[in-house]
Amino acid sequence: MRRWRYLLILLFLLGIGCAPMMESNPPVLVGASIERPRIIEDEFRPFVEILGLDIYVDVKPEEIVEREYYQYLLRTFITKKDSSMTHQLYVKYRYTDEDWRFYHSAYLKGGVPLEFVEIDSKVLGKNFLMEMFGITIPDSILRRDTSGFAVKVYAKSGNNFVVNVTPDQVKQQLTAINAYFKGDTTFFHSDVEVKNPQKEESTILTGIVKAMLLAAIVLLLAASTK
């Protein structure tokens, strides 16, 4: 009788725990979280920043503990003094690992090297790490490949992945750039920071809930065998 009681409690925990965990696992490709690019202009900065559509990709959608996903977008810096432009593919890569991967280089198809800029790295939790970096995209590439293009990123650890910049990302970025030079204020926005706090917080919270659930299951199974 006592063993059946423990099993019922175990099934109850699985019932309340699995539903939110399944909902928190996004598809492999999660679309852009905004409808259009944003033009950020600050009178204290010598440049204007255009933030493009951001896309999330879940690398391990079925993984419960060892989460891995990344966010990427195009961003353009326009110098106010001479209107010169620099385009960058901005990437936030989150992964579960015991050590840093150290992403350090990127190439277009055909082995064309791209400038790689290390931006930041953060520890989000136990063995849950994030690396942020930028990859310079030549203006000629952006305007030529309006159908989208792929960039492969390499790490010192041996890991690598491919970022697929979509046609919509390229076209919307070029549209925002043209709008800025025409004086169109359609894309102007006051938000400077690019992030998805709800996704980050829910991911960390989900990890904590999963760990607590697993611990409860182990304790209940141990007690039921006595």
Protein backbone atom coordinates (compact mmCIF):
# COMPACT_ATOMS: atom_id res chain seq x y z
CA MET A 1 0.00 0.00 0.00
CA ARG A 2 2.80 2.35 0.92
CA ARG A 3 4.58 1.62 -2.36
CA TRP A 4 1.44 2.42 -4.35
CA ARG A 5 1.17 5.74 -2.53
CA TYR A 6 4.70 6.67 -3.56
CA LEU A 7 3.97 5.68 -7.15
CA LEU A 8 0.85 7.86 -7.24
CA ILE A 9 2.85 10.83 -5.96
CA LEU A 10 5.49 10.13 -8.60
CA LEU A 11 2.88 10.12 -11.37
CA PHE A 12 1.44 13.39 -10.04
CA LEU A 13 4.86 15.06 -10.14
CA LEU A 14 5.42 13.83 -13.66
CA GLY A 15 2.02 15.15 -14.69
CA ILE A 16 2.59 18.71 -13.39
CA GLY A 17 6.21 18.81 -14.41
CA CYS A 18 6.18 17.46 -17.92
CA ALA A 19 3.49 19.74 -19.33
CA PRO A 20 5.39 23.04 -18.84
CA MET A 21 8.65 21.39 -19.84
CA MET A 22 7.17 20.26 -23.13
CA GLU A 23 5.78 23.74 -23.79
CA SER A 24 9.17 25.34 -23.11
CA ASN A 25 10.87 23.27 -25.84
CA PRO A 26 10.58 25.45 -28.97
CA PRO A 27 10.73 24.08 -32.51
CA VAL A 28 14.06 23.81 -34.26
CA LEU A 29 13.49 27.18 -35.96
CA VAL A 30 11.69 29.95 -34.09
CA GLY A 31 10.79 32.91 -36.29
CA ALA A 32 11.63 36.56 -35.79
CA SER A 33 10.32 38.03 -32.53
CA ILE A 34 9.78 41.49 -34.08
CA GLU A 35 7.95 42.54 -37.24
CA ARG A 36 10.51 44.97 -38.66
CA PRO A 37 14.02 46.36 -38.09
CA ARG A 38 14.69 49.18 -35.64
CA ILE A 39 16.75 52.31 -36.22
CA ILE A 40 18.48 53.49 -33.03
CA GLU A 41 19.80 57.05 -33.06
CA ASP A 42 21.50 58.58 -30.02
CA GLU A 43 22.81 62.14 -30.10
CA PHE A 44 25.76 61.10 -27.90
CA ARG A 45 26.99 58.42 -30.31
CA PRO A 46 28.82 59.11 -33.59
CA PHE A 47 26.85 56.45 -35.44
CA VAL A 48 23.31 55.23 -36.08
CA GLU A 49 22.52 51.58 -35.43
CA ILE A 50 19.98 49.54 -37.37
CA LEU A 51 18.92 46.30 -35.67
CA GLY A 52 17.40 43.72 -37.98
CA LEU A 53 15.01 40.81 -37.50
CA ASP A 54 16.26 38.37 -34.87
CA ILE A 55 15.79 34.63 -35.21
CA TYR A 56 16.09 31.85 -32.61
CA VAL A 57 17.24 28.33 -33.44
CA ASP A 58 16.93 25.47 -30.96
CA VAL A 59 19.79 23.07 -31.64
CA LYS A 60 18.54 20.37 -29.27
CA PRO A 61 14.74 20.74 -29.09
CA GLU A 62 14.25 17.30 -27.51
CA GLU A 63 17.00 17.69 -24.91
CA ILE A 64 15.78 18.07 -21.31
CA VAL A 65 18.95 19.09 -19.49
CA GLU A 66 21.71 19.95 -21.96
CA ARG A 67 20.01 22.89 -23.67
CA GLU A 68 21.59 24.51 -26.72
CA TYR A 69 20.16 27.34 -28.84
CA TYR A 70 21.21 30.60 -30.46
CA GLN A 71 19.87 33.97 -31.58
CA TYR A 72 21.12 35.94 -34.56
CA LEU A 73 20.35 39.14 -36.43
CA LEU A 74 21.85 41.62 -38.85
CA ARG A 75 22.85 45.02 -37.59
CA THR A 76 24.22 47.99 -39.49
CA PHE A 77 26.30 50.89 -38.17
CA ILE A 78 26.13 54.14 -40.16
CA THR A 79 28.70 56.80 -39.30
CA LYS A 80 27.01 60.20 -38.99
CA LYS A 81 30.03 62.14 -40.23
CA ASP A 82 30.50 60.52 -43.63
CA SER A 83 27.57 58.02 -43.90
CA SER A 84 29.97 55.07 -44.19
CA MET A 85 28.40 51.70 -43.28
CA THR A 86 29.45 48.50 -41.53
CA HIS A 87 27.22 45.43 -41.47
CA GLN A 88 27.50 42.73 -38.85
CA LEU A 89 25.90 39.36 -38.19
CA TYR A 90 25.36 39.42 -34.43
CA VAL A 91 25.11 36.04 -32.67
CA LYS A 92 24.29 34.94 -29.11
CA TYR A 93 25.05 31.24 -28.67
CA ARG A 94 23.93 29.46 -25.46
CA TYR A 95 25.03 25.92 -24.73
CA THR A 96 25.60 23.35 -21.98
CA ASP A 97 29.23 22.31 -21.65
CA GLU A 98 31.93 21.89 -19.02
CA ASP A 99 34.23 24.37 -20.72
CA TRP A 100 34.13 27.28 -23.18
CA ARG A 101 34.05 26.44 -26.86
CA PHE A 102 35.77 29.68 -27.94
CA TYR A 103 34.10 30.46 -31.25
CA HIS A 104 36.69 32.36 -33.26
CA SER A 105 36.23 32.30 -37.05
CA ALA A 106 33.57 32.37 -39.76
CA TYR A 107 33.41 31.69 -43.52
CA LEU A 108 31.01 32.04 -46.42
CA LYS A 109 30.51 29.17 -48.84
CA GLY A 110 33.57 28.78 -50.99
CA GLY A 111 35.95 29.45 -48.10
CA VAL A 112 35.60 33.25 -48.07
CA PRO A 113 36.83 34.40 -44.62
CA LEU A 114 34.88 37.00 -42.67
CA GLU A 115 36.10 39.28 -39.91
CA PHE A 116 35.22 37.76 -36.53
CA VAL A 117 34.72 40.00 -33.47
CA GLU A 118 34.48 38.51 -29.96
CA ILE A 119 31.98 40.62 -28.01
CA ASP A 120 31.24 38.99 -24.66
CA SER A 121 30.84 35.71 -22.77
CA LYS A 122 28.69 34.89 -19.75
CA VAL A 123 28.05 32.04 -17.32
CA LEU A 124 24.24 31.64 -17.16
CA GLY A 125 24.22 28.67 -14.78
CA LYS A 126 26.09 25.51 -13.92
CA ASN A 127 27.74 24.41 -17.18
CA PHE A 128 25.33 26.71 -19.05
CA LEU A 129 27.38 29.22 -21.04
CA MET A 130 26.82 31.97 -23.58
CA GLU A 131 29.19 33.41 -26.17
CA MET A 132 28.38 36.60 -28.08
CA PHE A 133 30.21 37.60 -31.23
CA GLY A 134 29.88 39.62 -34.41
CA ILE A 135 30.75 38.65 -37.98
CA THR A 136 31.42 41.49 -40.41
CA ILE A 137 29.38 41.20 -43.63
CA PRO A 138 30.70 43.23 -46.59
CA ASP A 139 28.16 45.63 -48.10
CA SER A 140 28.64 43.96 -51.50
CA ILE A 141 27.62 40.58 -50.05
CA LEU A 142 24.53 41.97 -48.34
CA ARG A 143 23.29 43.70 -51.50
CA ARG A 144 24.22 40.84 -53.80
CA ASP A 145 22.72 37.93 -51.84
CA THR A 146 19.18 39.22 -51.30
CA SER A 147 17.99 35.61 -51.44
CA GLY A 148 19.86 34.97 -48.20
CA PHE A 149 23.23 33.41 -47.45
CA ALA A 150 24.91 30.97 -45.07
CA VAL A 151 27.82 31.58 -42.70
CA LYS A 152 29.67 28.73 -40.98
CA VAL A 153 31.15 29.47 -37.56
CA TYR A 154 34.03 27.50 -36.03
CA ALA A 155 35.20 27.08 -32.42
CA LYS A 156 38.58 26.14 -31.01
CA SER A 157 36.87 23.18 -29.31
CA GLY A 158 36.07 21.67 -32.69
CA ASN A 159 32.39 22.62 -32.63
CA ASN A 160 30.83 24.42 -35.58
CA PHE A 161 27.41 25.46 -36.85
CA VAL A 162 25.83 27.21 -39.83
CA VAL A 163 23.86 30.46 -39.55
CA ASN A 164 21.30 30.81 -42.34
CA VAL A 165 20.55 34.47 -42.94
CA THR A 166 17.06 34.52 -44.48
CA PRO A 167 15.89 36.52 -47.51
CA ASP A 168 13.48 38.42 -45.27
CA GLN A 169 16.30 39.45 -42.93
CA VAL A 170 18.37 40.81 -45.83
CA LYS A 171 15.51 42.59 -47.61
CA GLN A 172 14.17 44.19 -44.43
CA GLN A 173 17.65 45.35 -43.45
CA LEU A 174 18.19 47.02 -46.82
CA THR A 175 14.73 48.57 -46.63
CA ALA A 176 15.53 50.10 -43.22
CA ILE A 177 18.87 51.43 -44.50
CA ASN A 178 17.21 53.10 -47.49
CA ALA A 179 14.50 54.52 -45.21
CA TYR A 180 17.14 56.11 -42.97
CA PHE A 181 18.85 57.89 -45.87
CA LYS A 182 15.48 59.09 -47.17
CA GLY A 183 14.60 60.56 -43.78
CA ASP A 184 11.74 58.10 -43.27
CA THR A 185 11.09 57.69 -39.52
CA THR A 186 9.07 54.47 -39.89
CA PHE A 187 11.81 52.29 -38.41
CA PHE A 188 13.01 54.60 -35.63
CA HIS A 189 12.91 53.00 -32.19
CA SER A 190 14.06 53.93 -28.68
CA ASP A 191 14.96 50.42 -27.48
CA VAL A 192 18.76 49.95 -27.58
CA GLU A 193 19.31 46.51 -26.08
CA VAL A 194 18.73 43.35 -28.10
CA LYS A 195 17.55 40.49 -25.95
CA ASN A 196 14.67 38.22 -25.12
CA PRO A 197 14.49 38.28 -21.31
CA GLN A 198 11.36 36.16 -21.19
CA LYS A 199 13.06 33.34 -23.10
CA GLU A 200 16.25 33.58 -21.01
CA GLU A 201 14.38 33.62 -17.70
CA SER A 202 12.01 30.82 -18.70
CA THR A 203 14.94 28.67 -19.85
CA ILE A 204 16.80 29.10 -16.56
CA LEU A 205 13.60 28.54 -14.57
CA THR A 206 12.79 25.43 -16.60
CA GLY A 207 16.24 24.03 -15.82
CA ILE A 208 15.71 24.57 -12.09
CA VAL A 209 12.26 22.95 -12.19
CA LYS A 210 13.62 19.96 -14.09
CA ALA A 211 16.46 19.49 -11.61
CA MET A 212 14.02 19.63 -8.66
CA LEU A 213 11.69 17.18 -10.39
CA LEU A 214 14.48 14.70 -11.06
CA ALA A 215 15.65 14.94 -7.46
CA ALA A 216 12.10 14.29 -6.22
CA ILE A 217 11.76 11.27 -8.50
CA VAL A 218 15.04 9.78 -7.21
CA LEU A 219 13.97 10.27 -3.59
CA LEU A 220 10.54 8.74 -4.18
CA LEU A 221 11.98 5.73 -5.99
CA ALA A 222 14.48 5.18 -3.19
CA ALA A 223 11.73 5.40 -0.58
CA SER A 224 9.42 3.05 -2.48
CA THR A 225 12.05 0.27 -2.44
CA LYS A 226 12.33 0.29 1.35
